[in-house]
C-alpha atoms as a PDB file:
ATOM      1  CA  UNK A   1     -34.107 -81.627  10.067  1.00  0.00           C
ATOM      2  CA  UNK A   2     -33.616 -79.590  13.158  1.00  0.00           C
ATOM      3  CA  UNK A   3     -30.596 -77.261  13.158  1.00  0.00           C
ATOM      4  CA  UNK A   4     -28.123 -78.719  15.544  1.00  0.00           C
ATOM      5  CA  UNK A   5     -26.043 -75.649  15.975  1.00  0.00           C
ATOM      6  CA  UNK A   6     -26.198 -74.883  19.830  1.00  0.00           C
ATOM      7  CA  UNK A   7     -23.180 -72.625  20.148  1.00  0.00           C
ATOM      8  CA  UNK A   8     -23.510 -69.025  20.808  1.00  0.00           C
ATOM      9  CA  UNK A   9     -21.889 -66.432  18.512  1.00  0.00           C
ATOM     10  CA  UNK A  10     -18.960 -66.008  20.809  1.00  0.00           C
ATOM     11  CA  UNK A  11     -18.359 -69.890  20.789  1.00  0.00           C
ATOM     12  CA  UNK A  12     -18.767 -69.978  17.090  1.00  0.00           C
ATOM     13  CA  UNK A  13     -16.090 -67.402  16.644  1.00  0.00           C
ATOM     14  CA  UNK A  14     -13.585 -69.079  19.084  1.00  0.00           C
ATOM     15  CA  UNK A  15     -14.445 -72.301  17.093  1.00  0.00           C
ATOM     16  CA  UNK A  16     -13.921 -70.799  13.626  1.00  0.00           C
ATOM     17  CA  UNK A  17     -10.956 -68.662  14.656  1.00  0.00           C
ATOM     18  CA  UNK A  18      -9.061 -71.741  16.191  1.00  0.00           C
ATOM     19  CA  UNK A  19      -9.670 -73.748  12.968  1.00  0.00           C
ATOM     20  CA  UNK A  20      -9.163 -71.213  10.014  1.00  0.00           C
ATOM     21  CA  UNK A  21      -5.791 -71.637   8.404  1.00  0.00           C
ATOM     22  CA  UNK A  22      -5.782 -68.394   6.542  1.00  0.00           C
ATOM     23  CA  UNK A  23      -3.076 -66.055   8.025  1.00  0.00           C
ATOM     24  CA  UNK A  24      -4.332 -62.917   9.585  1.00  0.00           C
ATOM     25  CA  UNK A  25      -4.829 -59.689   7.802  1.00  0.00           C
ATOM     26  CA  UNK A  26      -4.890 -61.233   4.638  1.00  0.00           C
ATOM     27  CA  UNK A  27      -8.547 -61.243   3.735  1.00  0.00           C
ATOM     28  CA  UNK A  28      -9.219 -57.992   1.531  1.00  0.00           C
ATOM     29  CA  UNK A  29     -12.245 -56.221   1.977  1.00  0.00           C
ATOM     30  CA  UNK A  30     -14.573 -55.503  -1.049  1.00  0.00           C
ATOM     31  CA  UNK A  31     -15.149 -51.729  -1.649  1.00  0.00           C
ATOM     32  CA  UNK A  32     -18.479 -51.026  -0.397  1.00  0.00           C
ATOM     33  CA  UNK A  33     -21.164 -50.028  -2.886  1.00  0.00           C
ATOM     34  CA  UNK A  34     -21.915 -46.426  -2.438  1.00  0.00           C
ATOM     35  CA  UNK A  35     -25.369 -45.927  -0.968  1.00  0.00           C
ATOM     36  CA  UNK A  36     -28.080 -44.328  -2.939  1.00  0.00           C
ATOM     37  CA  UNK A  37     -29.199 -41.342  -0.931  1.00  0.00           C
ATOM     38  CA  UNK A  38     -31.901 -40.383  -3.674  1.00  0.00           C
ATOM     39  CA  UNK A  39     -35.222 -41.154  -2.818  1.00  0.00           C
ATOM     40  CA  UNK A  40     -38.607 -40.274  -4.244  1.00  0.00           C
ATOM     41  CA  UNK A  41     -41.032 -38.853  -1.850  1.00  0.00           C
ATOM     42  CA  UNK A  42     -44.502 -39.522  -2.281  1.00  0.00           C
ATOM     43  CA  UNK A  43     -47.048 -36.830  -2.201  1.00  0.00           C
ATOM     44  CA  UNK A  44     -49.380 -36.635   0.808  1.00  0.00           C
ATOM     45  CA  UNK A  45     -52.503 -38.619   0.235  1.00  0.00           C
ATOM     46  CA  UNK A  46     -55.455 -36.797  -1.344  1.00  0.00           C
ATOM     47  CA  UNK A  47     -57.476 -35.204   1.403  1.00  0.00           C
ATOM     48  CA  UNK A  48     -60.821 -36.622   2.394  1.00  0.00           C
ATOM     49  CA  UNK A  49     -63.240 -33.705   1.302  1.00  0.00           C
ATOM     50  CA  UNK A  50     -66.111 -34.587   3.657  1.00  0.00           C
ATOM     51  CA  UNK A  51     -66.077 -36.109   7.192  1.00  0.00           C
ATOM     52  CA  UNK A  52     -68.395 -38.763   6.076  1.00  0.00           C
ATOM     53  CA  UNK A  53     -67.208 -39.484   2.705  1.00  0.00           C
ATOM     54  CA  UNK A  54     -64.242 -41.866   2.880  1.00  0.00           C
ATOM     55  CA  UNK A  55     -62.757 -43.020  -0.329  1.00  0.00           C
ATOM     56  CA  UNK A  56     -63.205 -46.560  -1.130  1.00  0.00           C
ATOM     57  CA  UNK A  57     -59.536 -47.313  -2.180  1.00  0.00           C
ATOM     58  CA  UNK A  58     -56.227 -45.504  -2.631  1.00  0.00           C
ATOM     59  CA  UNK A  59     -53.275 -46.620  -4.796  1.00  0.00           C
ATOM     60  CA  UNK A  60     -49.748 -45.589  -4.888  1.00  0.00           C
ATOM     61  CA  UNK A  61     -47.470 -46.543  -7.982  1.00  0.00           C
ATOM     62  CA  UNK A  62     -44.390 -48.654  -6.999  1.00  0.00           C
ATOM     63  CA  UNK A  63     -42.737 -49.546 -10.125  1.00  0.00           C
ATOM     64  CA  UNK A  64     -43.614 -50.294 -13.800  1.00  0.00           C
ATOM     65  CA  UNK A  65     -45.896 -53.405 -13.038  1.00  0.00           C
ATOM     66  CA  UNK A  66     -47.093 -52.884  -9.279  1.00  0.00           C
ATOM     67  CA  UNK A  67     -49.362 -50.535  -7.263  1.00  0.00           C
ATOM     68  CA  UNK A  68     -50.021 -50.807  -3.647  1.00  0.00           C
ATOM     69  CA  UNK A  69     -53.645 -50.744  -2.884  1.00  0.00           C
ATOM     70  CA  UNK A  70     -55.225 -49.503   0.224  1.00  0.00           C
ATOM     71  CA  UNK A  71     -58.966 -50.261   0.958  1.00  0.00           C
ATOM     72  CA  UNK A  72     -61.231 -50.727   3.754  1.00  0.00           C
ATOM     73  CA  UNK A  73     -60.951 -47.284   5.369  1.00  0.00           C
ATOM     74  CA  UNK A  74     -61.716 -46.716   8.943  1.00  0.00           C
ATOM     75  CA  UNK A  75     -61.269 -43.113   9.799  1.00  0.00           C
ATOM     76  CA  UNK A  76     -59.423 -39.879   8.874  1.00  0.00           C
ATOM     77  CA  UNK A  77     -56.668 -38.119  11.053  1.00  0.00           C
ATOM     78  CA  UNK A  78     -54.788 -35.027  11.185  1.00  0.00           C
ATOM     79  CA  UNK A  79     -51.354 -34.060  12.813  1.00  0.00           C
ATOM     80  CA  UNK A  80     -49.844 -30.618  13.599  1.00  0.00           C
ATOM     81  CA  UNK A  81     -47.607 -30.840  10.700  1.00  0.00           C
ATOM     82  CA  UNK A  82     -50.418 -32.127   8.219  1.00  0.00           C
ATOM     83  CA  UNK A  83     -53.756 -30.494   8.955  1.00  0.00           C
ATOM     84  CA  UNK A  84     -55.324 -31.970   5.898  1.00  0.00           C
ATOM     85  CA  UNK A  85     -57.250 -35.121   6.826  1.00  0.00           C
ATOM     86  CA  UNK A  86     -55.533 -38.291   5.784  1.00  0.00           C
ATOM     87  CA  UNK A  87     -57.180 -41.706   5.612  1.00  0.00           C
ATOM     88  CA  UNK A  88     -56.299 -44.732   7.686  1.00  0.00           C
ATOM     89  CA  UNK A  89     -56.815 -48.051   6.072  1.00  0.00           C
ATOM     90  CA  UNK A  90     -57.139 -51.660   7.360  1.00  0.00           C
ATOM     91  CA  UNK A  91     -56.362 -53.667   4.091  1.00  0.00           C
ATOM     92  CA  UNK A  92     -53.074 -53.599   2.111  1.00  0.00           C
ATOM     93  CA  UNK A  93     -52.763 -55.303  -1.235  1.00  0.00           C
ATOM     94  CA  UNK A  94     -50.446 -55.427  -4.379  1.00  0.00           C
ATOM     95  CA  UNK A  95     -52.085 -55.204  -7.688  1.00  0.00           C
ATOM     96  CA  UNK A  96     -50.305 -56.151 -10.931  1.00  0.00           C
ATOM     97  CA  UNK A  97     -50.961 -56.623 -14.551  1.00  0.00           C
ATOM     98  CA  UNK A  98     -53.668 -58.905 -15.866  1.00  0.00           C
ATOM     99  CA  UNK A  99     -55.581 -58.757 -12.696  1.00  0.00           C
ATOM    100  CA  UNK A 100     -52.859 -60.025 -10.349  1.00  0.00           C
ATOM    101  CA  UNK A 101     -53.495 -59.412  -6.772  1.00  0.00           C
ATOM    102  CA  UNK A 102     -52.133 -60.293  -3.532  1.00  0.00           C
ATOM    103  CA  UNK A 103     -53.160 -59.260  -0.092  1.00  0.00           C
ATOM    104  CA  UNK A 104     -50.331 -58.123   2.348  1.00  0.00           C
ATOM    105  CA  UNK A 105     -52.070 -57.176   5.568  1.00  0.00           C
ATOM    106  CA  UNK A 106     -55.449 -56.734   7.086  1.00  0.00           C
ATOM    107  CA  UNK A 107     -54.795 -56.533  10.838  1.00  0.00           C
ATOM    108  CA  UNK A 108     -53.194 -52.888  11.272  1.00  0.00           C
ATOM    109  CA  UNK A 109     -54.111 -49.354  10.578  1.00  0.00           C
ATOM    110  CA  UNK A 110     -52.064 -48.151   7.457  1.00  0.00           C
ATOM    111  CA  UNK A 111     -51.705 -44.712   5.802  1.00  0.00           C
ATOM    112  CA  UNK A 112     -50.136 -43.341   2.801  1.00  0.00           C
ATOM    113  CA  UNK A 113     -49.028 -40.290   4.683  1.00  0.00           C
ATOM    114  CA  UNK A 114     -45.178 -40.401   4.768  1.00  0.00           C
ATOM    115  CA  UNK A 115     -45.130 -43.401   2.373  1.00  0.00           C
ATOM    116  CA  UNK A 116     -41.809 -43.571   0.496  1.00  0.00           C
ATOM    117  CA  UNK A 117     -40.666 -45.800  -2.657  1.00  0.00           C
ATOM    118  CA  UNK A 118     -37.037 -46.389  -3.676  1.00  0.00           C
ATOM    119  CA  UNK A 119     -36.112 -44.833  -7.034  1.00  0.00           C
ATOM    120  CA  UNK A 120     -35.707 -48.410  -8.500  1.00  0.00           C
ATOM    121  CA  UNK A 121     -38.998 -49.621  -7.373  1.00  0.00           C
ATOM    122  CA  UNK A 122     -37.507 -52.497  -5.152  1.00  0.00           C
ATOM    123  CA  UNK A 123     -38.445 -51.285  -1.796  1.00  0.00           C
ATOM    124  CA  UNK A 124     -41.100 -49.177  -0.180  1.00  0.00           C
ATOM    125  CA  UNK A 125     -41.816 -47.970   3.241  1.00  0.00           C
ATOM    126  CA  UNK A 126     -45.203 -47.433   4.683  1.00  0.00           C
ATOM    127  CA  UNK A 127     -46.300 -46.276   8.162  1.00  0.00           C
ATOM    128  CA  UNK A 128     -48.992 -47.716  10.555  1.00  0.00           C
ATOM    129  CA  UNK A 129     -50.738 -45.052  12.447  1.00  0.00           C
ATOM    130  CA  UNK A 130     -51.638 -45.586  16.157  1.00  0.00           C
ATOM    131  CA  UNK A 131     -55.349 -44.802  16.385  1.00  0.00           C
ATOM    132  CA  UNK A 132     -56.436 -47.956  18.147  1.00  0.00           C
ATOM    133  CA  UNK A 133     -57.268 -46.237  21.388  1.00  0.00           C
ATOM    134  CA  UNK A 134     -59.292 -43.460  19.768  1.00  0.00           C
ATOM    135  CA  UNK A 135     -61.184 -46.107  17.546  1.00  0.00           C
ATOM    136  CA  UNK A 136     -61.910 -48.014  20.587  1.00  0.00           C
ATOM    137  CA  UNK A 137     -63.349 -45.114  22.530  1.00  0.00           C
ATOM    138  CA  UNK A 138     -65.537 -44.247  19.528  1.00  0.00           C
ATOM    139  CA  UNK A 139     -63.891 -40.777  18.828  1.00  0.00           C
ATOM    140  CA  UNK A 140     -64.113 -41.521  15.003  1.00  0.00           C
ATOM    141  CA  UNK A 141     -67.921 -41.511  15.492  1.00  0.00           C
ATOM    142  CA  UNK A 142     -67.920 -37.688  16.008  1.00  0.00           C
ATOM    143  CA  UNK A 143     -67.273 -37.407  12.182  1.00  0.00           C
ATOM    144  CA  UNK A 144     -64.208 -35.481  12.747  1.00  0.00           C
ATOM    145  CA  UNK A 145     -60.598 -36.303  12.008  1.00  0.00           C
ATOM    146  CA  UNK A 146     -58.813 -38.095  14.867  1.00  0.00           C
ATOM    147  CA  UNK A 147     -55.765 -36.170  16.194  1.00  0.00           C
ATOM    148  CA  UNK A 148     -52.367 -38.067  16.147  1.00  0.00           C
ATOM    149  CA  UNK A 149     -48.773 -36.967  16.666  1.00  0.00           C
ATOM    150  CA  UNK A 150     -45.901 -37.956  14.596  1.00  0.00           C
ATOM    151  CA  UNK A 151     -44.802 -40.318  17.148  1.00  0.00           C
ATOM    152  CA  UNK A 152     -47.847 -42.472  16.636  1.00  0.00           C
ATOM    153  CA  UNK A 153     -46.342 -43.507  13.054  1.00  0.00           C
ATOM    154  CA  UNK A 154     -44.461 -46.825  13.028  1.00  0.00           C
ATOM    155  CA  UNK A 155     -42.477 -47.389   9.846  1.00  0.00           C
ATOM    156  CA  UNK A 156     -42.542 -50.809   7.879  1.00  0.00           C
ATOM    157  CA  UNK A 157     -40.090 -51.533   5.014  1.00  0.00           C
ATOM    158  CA  UNK A 158     -41.177 -54.021   2.365  1.00  0.00           C
ATOM    159  CA  UNK A 159     -38.728 -55.784  -0.202  1.00  0.00           C
ATOM    160  CA  UNK A 160     -40.591 -55.946  -3.383  1.00  0.00           C
ATOM    161  CA  UNK A 161     -38.087 -57.966  -5.312  1.00  0.00           C
ATOM    162  CA  UNK A 162     -38.405 -60.715  -2.478  1.00  0.00           C
ATOM    163  CA  UNK A 163     -41.991 -59.967  -1.488  1.00  0.00           C
ATOM    164  CA  UNK A 164     -41.434 -59.663   2.281  1.00  0.00           C
ATOM    165  CA  UNK A 165     -41.546 -57.205   5.038  1.00  0.00           C
ATOM    166  CA  UNK A 166     -37.999 -56.534   6.006  1.00  0.00           C
ATOM    167  CA  UNK A 167     -35.598 -54.892   8.351  1.00  0.00           C
ATOM    168  CA  UNK A 168     -32.713 -52.482   7.971  1.00  0.00           C
ATOM    169  CA  UNK A 169     -29.392 -54.227   9.068  1.00  0.00           C
ATOM    170  CA  UNK A 170     -25.950 -52.825   9.478  1.00  0.00           C
ATOM    171  CA  UNK A 171     -22.808 -54.434   8.200  1.00  0.00           C
ATOM    172  CA  UNK A 172     -22.803 -56.588  11.356  1.00  0.00           C
ATOM    173  CA  UNK A 173     -26.294 -57.815  10.890  1.00  0.00           C
ATOM    174  CA  UNK A 174     -27.793 -55.794  13.810  1.00  0.00           C
ATOM    175  CA  UNK A 175     -31.098 -54.443  13.061  1.00  0.00           C
ATOM    176  CA  UNK A 176     -32.062 -50.755  13.238  1.00  0.00           C
ATOM    177  CA  UNK A 177     -34.638 -50.692  15.982  1.00  0.00           C
ATOM    178  CA  UNK A 178     -38.114 -50.154  14.394  1.00  0.00           C
ATOM    179  CA  UNK A 179     -38.958 -47.253  16.435  1.00  0.00           C
ATOM    180  CA  UNK A 180     -36.021 -45.331  15.338  1.00  0.00           C
ATOM    181  CA  UNK A 181     -36.800 -45.451  11.452  1.00  0.00           C
ATOM    182  CA  UNK A 182     -37.767 -42.157  10.407  1.00  0.00           C
ATOM    183  CA  UNK A 183     -40.126 -41.013   7.767  1.00  0.00           C
ATOM    184  CA  UNK A 184     -39.171 -41.570   4.142  1.00  0.00           C
ATOM    185  CA  UNK A 185     -36.057 -43.426   5.193  1.00  0.00           C
ATOM    186  CA  UNK A 186     -35.126 -46.087   2.602  1.00  0.00           C
ATOM    187  CA  UNK A 187     -31.786 -47.420   3.875  1.00  0.00           C
ATOM    188  CA  UNK A 188     -28.323 -45.725   3.861  1.00  0.00           C
ATOM    189  CA  UNK A 189     -26.504 -43.717   6.589  1.00  0.00           C
ATOM    190  CA  UNK A 190     -28.163 -43.503   9.930  1.00  0.00           C
ATOM    191  CA  UNK A 191     -26.534 -42.375  13.093  1.00  0.00           C
ATOM    192  CA  UNK A 192     -23.085 -43.007  11.881  1.00  0.00           C
ATOM    193  CA  UNK A 193     -23.854 -46.550  10.393  1.00  0.00           C
ATOM    194  CA  UNK A 194     -25.023 -47.786   7.079  1.00  0.00           C
ATOM    195  CA  UNK A 195     -28.326 -49.818   7.015  1.00  0.00           C
ATOM    196  CA  UNK A 196     -29.807 -51.868   4.334  1.00  0.00           C
ATOM    197  CA  UNK A 197     -32.082 -54.932   3.970  1.00  0.00           C
ATOM    198  CA  UNK A 198     -30.369 -58.281   4.137  1.00  0.00           C
ATOM    199  CA  UNK A 199     -29.965 -58.831   0.490  1.00  0.00           C
ATOM    200  CA  UNK A 200     -27.724 -55.851   0.086  1.00  0.00           C
ATOM    201  CA  UNK A 201     -25.275 -57.337   2.512  1.00  0.00           C
ATOM    202  CA  UNK A 202     -25.311 -60.713   1.016  1.00  0.00           C
ATOM    203  CA  UNK A 203     -24.753 -59.214  -2.561  1.00  0.00           C
ATOM    204  CA  UNK A 204     -21.780 -57.201  -1.003  1.00  0.00           C
ATOM    205  CA  UNK A 205     -20.370 -60.571   0.668  1.00  0.00           C
ATOM    206  CA  UNK A 206     -20.743 -62.318  -2.693  1.00  0.00           C
ATOM    207  CA  UNK A 207     -18.864 -59.783  -4.486  1.00  0.00           C
ATOM    208  CA  UNK A 208     -16.109 -59.828  -2.214  1.00  0.00           C
ATOM    209  CA  UNK A 209     -15.846 -63.571  -2.419  1.00  0.00           C
ATOM    210  CA  UNK A 210     -15.573 -63.282  -6.165  1.00  0.00           C
ATOM    211  CA  UNK A 211     -12.780 -60.985  -5.807  1.00  0.00           C
ATOM    212  CA  UNK A 212     -10.711 -62.577  -3.013  1.00  0.00           C
ATOM    213  CA  UNK A 213     -11.696 -66.320  -2.823  1.00  0.00           C
ATOM    214  CA  UNK A 214     -11.127 -66.137   0.709  1.00  0.00           C
ATOM    215  CA  UNK A 215     -13.423 -66.690   3.676  1.00  0.00           C
ATOM    216  CA  UNK A 216     -14.212 -63.701   5.853  1.00  0.00           C
ATOM    217  CA  UNK A 217     -13.059 -63.432   9.429  1.00  0.00           C
ATOM    218  CA  UNK A 218     -14.478 -65.941  11.831  1.00  0.00           C
ATOM    219  CA  UNK A 219     -16.603 -63.182  13.430  1.00  0.00           C
ATOM    220  CA  UNK A 220     -18.499 -62.608  10.227  1.00  0.00           C
ATOM    221  CA  UNK A 221     -19.039 -66.245   9.302  1.00  0.00           C
ATOM    222  CA  UNK A 222     -20.379 -66.451  12.909  1.00  0.00           C
ATOM    223  CA  UNK A 223     -22.855 -63.849  12.267  1.00  0.00           C
ATOM    224  CA  UNK A 224     -24.170 -65.391   9.134  1.00  0.00           C
ATOM    225  CA  UNK A 225     -24.472 -68.679  10.998  1.00  0.00           C
ATOM    226  CA  UNK A 226     -26.364 -66.994  13.698  1.00  0.00           C
ATOM    227  CA  UNK A 227     -28.571 -65.338  11.446  1.00  0.00           C
ATOM    228  CA  UNK A 228     -29.242 -68.638   9.702  1.00  0.00           C
ATOM    229  CA  UNK A 229     -30.051 -70.242  12.937  1.00  0.00           C
ATOM    230  CA  UNK A 230     -32.628 -67.562  13.757  1.00  0.00           C
ATOM    231  CA  UNK A 231     -34.078 -67.670  10.248  1.00  0.00           C
ATOM    232  CA  UNK A 232     -34.406 -71.316  10.197  1.00  0.00           C
ATOM    233  CA  UNK A 233     -36.025 -71.637  13.556  1.00  0.00           C
ATOM    234  CA  UNK A 234     -38.383 -68.694  13.804  1.00  0.00           C
ATOM    235  CA  UNK A 235     -41.015 -66.824  12.000  1.00  0.00           C
ATOM    236  CA  UNK A 236     -40.568 -63.418  11.388  1.00  0.00           C
ATOM    237  CA  UNK A 237     -39.730 -60.862   8.789  1.00  0.00           C
ATOM    238  CA  UNK A 238     -36.778 -62.568   7.473  1.00  0.00           C
ATOM    239  CA  UNK A 239     -38.684 -65.935   7.053  1.00  0.00           C
ATOM    240  CA  UNK A 240     -38.963 -67.501   4.632  1.00  0.00           C
ATOM    241  CA  UNK A 241     -38.129 -65.168   1.784  1.00  0.00           C
ATOM    242  CA  UNK A 242     -34.304 -64.849   2.478  1.00  0.00           C
ATOM    243  CA  UNK A 243     -33.712 -68.520   3.281  1.00  0.00           C
ATOM    244  CA  UNK A 244     -32.423 -69.379  -0.269  1.00  0.00           C
ATOM    245  CA  UNK A 245     -30.269 -66.186  -0.311  1.00  0.00           C
ATOM    246  CA  UNK A 246     -28.709 -67.238   3.076  1.00  0.00           C
ATOM    247  CA  UNK A 247     -28.075 -70.913   1.697  1.00  0.00           C
ATOM    248  CA  UNK A 248     -26.588 -69.577  -1.380  1.00  0.00           C
ATOM    249  CA  UNK A 249     -24.127 -67.607   0.492  1.00  0.00           C
ATOM    250  CA  UNK A 250     -23.248 -70.432   2.871  1.00  0.00           C
ATOM    251  CA  UNK A 251     -22.718 -72.824  -0.156  1.00  0.00           C
ATOM    252  CA  UNK A 252     -20.265 -70.339  -1.698  1.00  0.00           C
ATOM    253  CA  UNK A 253     -18.067 -70.520   1.663  1.00  0.00           C
ATOM    254  CA  UNK A 254     -18.127 -74.483   1.541  1.00  0.00           C
ATOM    255  CA  UNK A 255     -15.387 -74.945  -0.760  1.00  0.00           C
ATOM    256  CA  UNK A 256     -13.158 -72.193   0.787  1.00  0.00           C
ATOM    257  CA  UNK A 257     -13.466 -73.916   4.200  1.00  0.00           C
ATOM    258  CA  UNK A 258     -10.200 -75.198   5.681  1.00  0.00           C
ATOM    259  CA  UNK A 259     -11.408 -77.000   8.737  1.00  0.00           C
ATOM    260  CA  UNK A 260     -13.897 -79.780   9.246  1.00  0.00           C
ATOM    261  CA  UNK A 261     -15.668 -77.885  12.010  1.00  0.00           C
ATOM    262  CA  UNK A 262     -16.373 -74.879   9.816  1.00  0.00           C
ATOM    263  CA  UNK A 263     -17.493 -77.089   6.974  1.00  0.00           C
ATOM    264  CA  UNK A 264     -19.850 -79.055   9.398  1.00  0.00           C
ATOM    265  CA  UNK A 265     -21.412 -75.843  10.769  1.00  0.00           C
ATOM    266  CA  UNK A 266     -21.856 -74.559   7.285  1.00  0.00           C
ATOM    267  CA  UNK A 267     -23.469 -77.689   6.022  1.00  0.00           C
ATOM    268  CA  UNK A 268     -26.007 -77.989   9.102  1.00  0.00           C
ATOM    269  CA  UNK A 269     -27.050 -74.396   8.479  1.00  0.00           C
ATOM    270  CA  UNK A 270     -27.427 -75.114   4.630  1.00  0.00           C
ATOM    271  CA  UNK A 271     -29.642 -78.270   5.506  1.00  0.00           C
ATOM    272  CA  UNK A 272     -31.752 -76.715   7.890  1.00  0.00           C
ATOM    273  CA  UNK A 273     -32.400 -73.465   5.724  1.00  0.00           C
ATOM    274  CA  UNK A 274     -33.236 -75.771   2.708  1.00  0.00           C
ATOM    275  CA  UNK A 275     -35.630 -78.110   4.779  1.00  0.00           C
ATOM    276  CA  UNK A 276     -37.372 -75.137   6.487  1.00  0.00           C
ATOM    277  CA  UNK A 277     -37.828 -73.553   2.968  1.00  0.00           C
ATOM    278  CA  UNK A 278     -39.508 -76.804   1.659  1.00  0.00           C
ATOM    279  CA  UNK A 279     -41.803 -77.030   4.624  1.00  0.00           C
ATOM    280  CA  UNK A 280     -42.896 -73.461   4.409  1.00  0.00           C
ATOM    281  CA  UNK A 281     -44.029 -73.708   0.751  1.00  0.00           C
END
C-alpha cells in the first residue's frame, strides 16, 4: 500500500496543532539520558612490513561475539599524521561464532585507520579512504604507499544491534552531514547539539510516553511522520532496519490521539511501514 501522506512538514504541524486537544505547555519532557562520552579508540592498523606483502585479512574485535573482517587489499597509504603504511581494503564482513559470516560491503576502499567501537559494542565507525584517483592512475604499481590527507577519509557509522549503516541525528531528527563526522566520533555532543542514531531518540520518546501518557507537540509528531514517509518510500541507511522501531512508536501514539486526522495520519504511516517491511524481506 502506498503511503498517502502528501502534506509537507509545515502542513502536518498545522493540522495536528489545530486538532490536538491537550492544553499548551502541559506535555512534560522526559529527562534526557546522559550521553556516554567515553569511547574505546582502536589502535592503528598493523603496518605493512613490505611494499609488496599486503596482509590477506585484518580483523577488529567489535564485541563478545562479532569481529569485523577486512579482506581483498588493494594498496597501502600514509598520511602526514600517520607515516606507518596502512592498508586499504575492498571487502568488509562481520564474522561471528560457529562460522557465521555476513558480507557488508564490496564497493569501496575501507581502512581500520581511525576505526572506533562504542564501549558497549553496539556501534562502530569505519572510514573509507579516497584513493580512487591514485588507483586509476596506477600510482599503487610503484610499490610505494599512496599519499592521502585526513580530508580523504569519509566516516561511516554502523549500528550493530540492528545490522545497518546509520546516521547521527539530532533531537529534531536532522542528520549530521556525513562530511562533518570526525574521526572516532560515536555520537554525543557536536557543535552545540547532541547527535545519536535513530534508535536512541526512539527510546527517549518511548520513555517520555511511559512517564507522561501524553502526545508530544505537533511539531515532533510531524517530524516522526515525515521520517516515516521517507523511510517507507526510499532506500537508504534507515531502510529497512528501523521500520519496525518507527512503527512501534507510532502505534504507541495511536491510543493517545484525540483527533480523527491525527489518528488517520498515524494509521497510514504504520500501514506503510509494515507493508514495506514485508516486501523487503
